[in-house]
Amino acid sequence: MTYLNNVEDGGTTNFEYYDIKVKPEIGKTLIWPAEWTHAHTGSILKVELNILLLAGYSLHLRIGFFWFIKDY
């Protein structure tokens, strides 16, 4: 996951099992295994009144690598 913007308050990505919280910074990239041991959640952003904010939106692109065994 690559962060596309900075977030001042909240917005961290939390890895509960490891007690790790990553603060969003432009260009920072996180890579982790897609297994239950690396479950993650996002924290809630603090929002003031009269501000339109698209919070909690994320775009996930999953890339899989496959190896095929061929009999020669």
Foldseek 3Di string as FASTA:
>chain_A
DFAQAFADFFFWKAQVLVRDTHGHHHGDDDDDDPDPNRDIDGTWHDDDPPDDDDPPDDDDDDDDDDDDDDDD
